[in-house]
Amino acid sequence: MIGAKMKYVTFDGHNGEQIIIFPKIIQHSVMAEDVARSSFGGMRPISAGFVVGGQCVGESESLRMKSRLDVDTALIERLLDIEECRNKPIDDIPILSVKNMKISKNKAKALRKKGISTR
């Protein structure tokens, strides 16, 4: 799909529906097969398409499945906690902290070069 940078496949599994987003260079059917194999058949694809502007659209020719549009887009929002963050002031959104994490000296040095405090 023109303008799409990412693809997705939605799976139905033991924990309900899960969406996986991946680069467009990977074929939908290859991703679906790999996930099904690694989950020992516990996850089966139910929809697929492209992510354009944060919206799920289109269809997968290799899987012969269409996007469920708003339903799949809602799964992305849930995955990324977009809805939760949308209504909060910026100061209330948690930020990843590397403090108190066990990291190597080299990694800490690289993070400090980027301006991230590790102490």
C-alpha atoms as a PDB file:
ATOM      1  CA  MET A   1       0.000   0.000   0.000  1.00  0.00           C
ATOM      2  CA  ILE A   2       1.432   3.372  -1.023  1.00  0.00           C
ATOM      3  CA  GLY A   3       2.359   5.570   1.938  1.00  0.00           C
ATOM      4  CA  ALA A   4       2.402   2.713   4.433  1.00  0.00           C
ATOM      5  CA  LYS A   5       5.582   2.201   6.402  1.00  0.00           C
ATOM      6  CA  MET A   6       4.325  -0.578   8.645  1.00  0.00           C
ATOM      7  CA  LYS A   7       2.153  -3.675   8.366  1.00  0.00           C
ATOM      8  CA  TYR A   8       0.191  -5.501  11.029  1.00  0.00           C
ATOM      9  CA  VAL A   9      -1.482  -8.815  11.756  1.00  0.00           C
ATOM     10  CA  THR A  10      -4.099  -9.296  14.478  1.00  0.00           C
ATOM     11  CA  PHE A  11      -4.152 -12.683  16.177  1.00  0.00           C
ATOM     12  CA  ASP A  12      -6.683 -14.457  18.357  1.00  0.00           C
ATOM     13  CA  GLY A  13      -5.061 -16.448  21.124  1.00  0.00           C
ATOM     14  CA  HIS A  14      -5.316 -17.608  24.704  1.00  0.00           C
ATOM     15  CA  ASN A  15      -5.170 -14.027  26.044  1.00  0.00           C
ATOM     16  CA  GLY A  16      -7.654 -12.584  23.558  1.00  0.00           C
ATOM     17  CA  GLU A  17      -6.814 -10.529  20.507  1.00  0.00           C
ATOM     18  CA  GLN A  18      -3.248  -9.303  20.056  1.00  0.00           C
ATOM     19  CA  ILE A  19      -1.882  -7.040  17.329  1.00  0.00           C
ATOM     20  CA  ILE A  20       1.676  -7.171  16.027  1.00  0.00           C
ATOM     21  CA  ILE A  21       3.097  -4.280  13.998  1.00  0.00           C
ATOM     22  CA  PHE A  22       6.143  -4.875  11.812  1.00  0.00           C
ATOM     23  CA  PRO A  23       8.120  -3.336   8.901  1.00  0.00           C
ATOM     24  CA  LYS A  24       6.576  -3.490   5.446  1.00  0.00           C
ATOM     25  CA  ILE A  25       9.537  -5.463   4.068  1.00  0.00           C
ATOM     26  CA  ILE A  26       8.223  -8.568   5.915  1.00  0.00           C
ATOM     27  CA  GLN A  27       5.380 -10.431   4.235  1.00  0.00           C
ATOM     28  CA  HIS A  28       2.138 -10.794   6.223  1.00  0.00           C
ATOM     29  CA  SER A  29       2.036 -14.574   5.750  1.00  0.00           C
ATOM     30  CA  VAL A  30       5.635 -14.998   6.951  1.00  0.00           C
ATOM     31  CA  MET A  31       4.898 -13.041  10.147  1.00  0.00           C
ATOM     32  CA  ALA A  32       1.687 -15.013  10.733  1.00  0.00           C
ATOM     33  CA  GLU A  33       3.471 -18.347  10.249  1.00  0.00           C
ATOM     34  CA  ASP A  34       6.326 -17.370  12.571  1.00  0.00           C
ATOM     35  CA  VAL A  35       3.971 -16.223  15.336  1.00  0.00           C
ATOM     36  CA  ALA A  36       1.789 -19.326  15.007  1.00  0.00           C
ATOM     37  CA  ARG A  37       4.874 -21.552  15.129  1.00  0.00           C
ATOM     38  CA  SER A  38       6.448 -19.761  18.107  1.00  0.00           C
ATOM     39  CA  SER A  39       3.154 -19.881  20.037  1.00  0.00           C
ATOM     40  CA  PHE A  40       2.789 -23.606  19.291  1.00  0.00           C
ATOM     41  CA  GLY A  41      -0.352 -22.903  17.296  1.00  0.00           C
ATOM     42  CA  GLY A  42      -1.898 -20.894  20.127  1.00  0.00           C
ATOM     43  CA  MET A  43      -2.329 -17.748  18.033  1.00  0.00           C
ATOM     44  CA  ARG A  44      -4.146 -17.650  14.703  1.00  0.00           C
ATOM     45  CA  PRO A  45      -4.399 -14.625  12.383  1.00  0.00           C
ATOM     46  CA  ILE A  46      -7.838 -13.005  12.129  1.00  0.00           C
ATOM     47  CA  SER A  47      -7.110  -9.760  10.242  1.00  0.00           C
ATOM     48  CA  ALA A  48      -4.227  -7.990   8.554  1.00  0.00           C
ATOM     49  CA  GLY A  49      -3.362  -4.810   6.735  1.00  0.00           C
ATOM     50  CA  PHE A  50      -1.270  -1.660   6.893  1.00  0.00           C
ATOM     51  CA  VAL A  51      -0.774   1.136   9.419  1.00  0.00           C
ATOM     52  CA  VAL A  52      -1.103   4.570   7.802  1.00  0.00           C
ATOM     53  CA  GLY A  53      -1.161   7.667   9.990  1.00  0.00           C
ATOM     54  CA  GLY A  54      -1.861   5.548  13.061  1.00  0.00           C
ATOM     55  CA  GLN A  55      -4.907   3.938  11.420  1.00  0.00           C
ATOM     56  CA  CYS A  56      -5.310   0.310  10.329  1.00  0.00           C
ATOM     57  CA  VAL A  57      -6.351   0.068   6.673  1.00  0.00           C
ATOM     58  CA  GLY A  58      -6.184  -2.133   3.597  1.00  0.00           C
ATOM     59  CA  GLU A  59      -5.737  -5.849   3.344  1.00  0.00           C
ATOM     60  CA  SER A  60      -3.142  -8.595   3.119  1.00  0.00           C
ATOM     61  CA  GLU A  61      -2.941 -10.367  -0.211  1.00  0.00           C
ATOM     62  CA  SER A  62      -0.694 -13.145   1.133  1.00  0.00           C
ATOM     63  CA  LEU A  63      -3.136 -13.952   3.980  1.00  0.00           C
ATOM     64  CA  ARG A  64      -6.287 -13.035   2.031  1.00  0.00           C
ATOM     65  CA  MET A  65      -7.516 -11.046   5.038  1.00  0.00           C
ATOM     66  CA  LYS A  66      -8.876  -7.521   5.332  1.00  0.00           C
ATOM     67  CA  SER A  67      -8.344  -4.887   7.971  1.00  0.00           C
ATOM     68  CA  ARG A  68     -11.088  -4.482  10.555  1.00  0.00           C
ATOM     69  CA  LEU A  69     -10.345  -0.748  10.451  1.00  0.00           C
ATOM     70  CA  ASP A  70     -11.527   0.796  13.752  1.00  0.00           C
ATOM     71  CA  VAL A  71     -11.397  -2.497  15.669  1.00  0.00           C
ATOM     72  CA  ASP A  72      -7.739  -3.081  14.772  1.00  0.00           C
ATOM     73  CA  THR A  73      -6.865   0.597  15.303  1.00  0.00           C
ATOM     74  CA  ALA A  74      -8.308   0.337  18.831  1.00  0.00           C
ATOM     75  CA  LEU A  75      -5.975  -2.606  19.493  1.00  0.00           C
ATOM     76  CA  ILE A  76      -2.982  -0.410  18.578  1.00  0.00           C
ATOM     77  CA  GLU A  77      -4.218   2.299  20.933  1.00  0.00           C
ATOM     78  CA  ARG A  78      -4.605  -0.268  23.713  1.00  0.00           C
ATOM     79  CA  LEU A  79      -1.157  -1.719  22.976  1.00  0.00           C
ATOM     80  CA  LEU A  80       0.484   1.705  23.194  1.00  0.00           C
ATOM     81  CA  ASP A  81      -1.721   3.022  26.038  1.00  0.00           C
ATOM     82  CA  ILE A  82      -2.689   5.946  23.801  1.00  0.00           C
ATOM     83  CA  GLU A  83      -6.158   6.363  25.283  1.00  0.00           C
ATOM     84  CA  GLU A  84      -4.782   6.377  28.825  1.00  0.00           C
ATOM     85  CA  CYS A  85      -2.198   9.045  27.977  1.00  0.00           C
ATOM     86  CA  ARG A  86      -4.571  11.151  25.872  1.00  0.00           C
ATOM     87  CA  ASN A  87      -6.482  12.533  28.865  1.00  0.00           C
ATOM     88  CA  LYS A  88      -3.550  13.026  31.258  1.00  0.00           C
ATOM     89  CA  PRO A  89      -1.392  16.089  31.761  1.00  0.00           C
ATOM     90  CA  ILE A  90       2.106  15.587  30.347  1.00  0.00           C
ATOM     91  CA  ASP A  91       3.607  15.533  33.864  1.00  0.00           C
ATOM     92  CA  ASP A  92       1.490  12.491  34.799  1.00  0.00           C
ATOM     93  CA  ILE A  93       2.718  10.284  31.946  1.00  0.00           C
ATOM     94  CA  PRO A  94       5.361   7.842  33.200  1.00  0.00           C
ATOM     95  CA  ILE A  95       8.837   8.183  31.731  1.00  0.00           C
ATOM     96  CA  LEU A  96      11.284   5.302  31.445  1.00  0.00           C
ATOM     97  CA  SER A  97      13.946   5.612  34.090  1.00  0.00           C
ATOM     98  CA  VAL A  98      17.300   3.877  33.915  1.00  0.00           C
ATOM     99  CA  LYS A  99      18.065   4.655  37.544  1.00  0.00           C
ATOM    100  CA  ASN A 100      18.370   1.591  39.742  1.00  0.00           C
ATOM    101  CA  MET A 101      18.579  -0.637  36.645  1.00  0.00           C
ATOM    102  CA  LYS A 102      21.496  -2.996  36.316  1.00  0.00           C
ATOM    103  CA  ILE A 103      23.386  -1.931  33.211  1.00  0.00           C
ATOM    104  CA  SER A 104      26.976  -2.326  32.141  1.00  0.00           C
ATOM    105  CA  LYS A 105      29.507   0.471  32.568  1.00  0.00           C
ATOM    106  CA  ASN A 106      29.751   0.854  28.783  1.00  0.00           C
ATOM    107  CA  LYS A 107      25.970   1.162  28.427  1.00  0.00           C
ATOM    108  CA  ALA A 108      25.852   3.715  31.254  1.00  0.00           C
ATOM    109  CA  LYS A 109      28.598   5.731  29.574  1.00  0.00           C
ATOM    110  CA  ALA A 110      26.729   5.679  26.251  1.00  0.00           C
ATOM    111  CA  LEU A 111      23.505   6.793  27.953  1.00  0.00           C
ATOM    112  CA  ARG A 112      25.278   9.655  29.723  1.00  0.00           C
ATOM    113  CA  LYS A 113      26.685  10.820  26.367  1.00  0.00           C
ATOM    114  CA  LYS A 114      23.083  11.067  25.167  1.00  0.00           C
ATOM    115  CA  GLY A 115      22.216  13.179  28.209  1.00  0.00           C
ATOM    116  CA  ILE A 116      20.411  10.449  30.145  1.00  0.00           C
ATOM    117  CA  SER A 117      21.273  10.296  33.832  1.00  0.00           C
ATOM    118  CA  THR A 118      22.070   6.842  35.183  1.00  0.00           C
ATOM    119  CA  ARG A 119      22.632   7.849  38.811  1.00  0.00           C
END
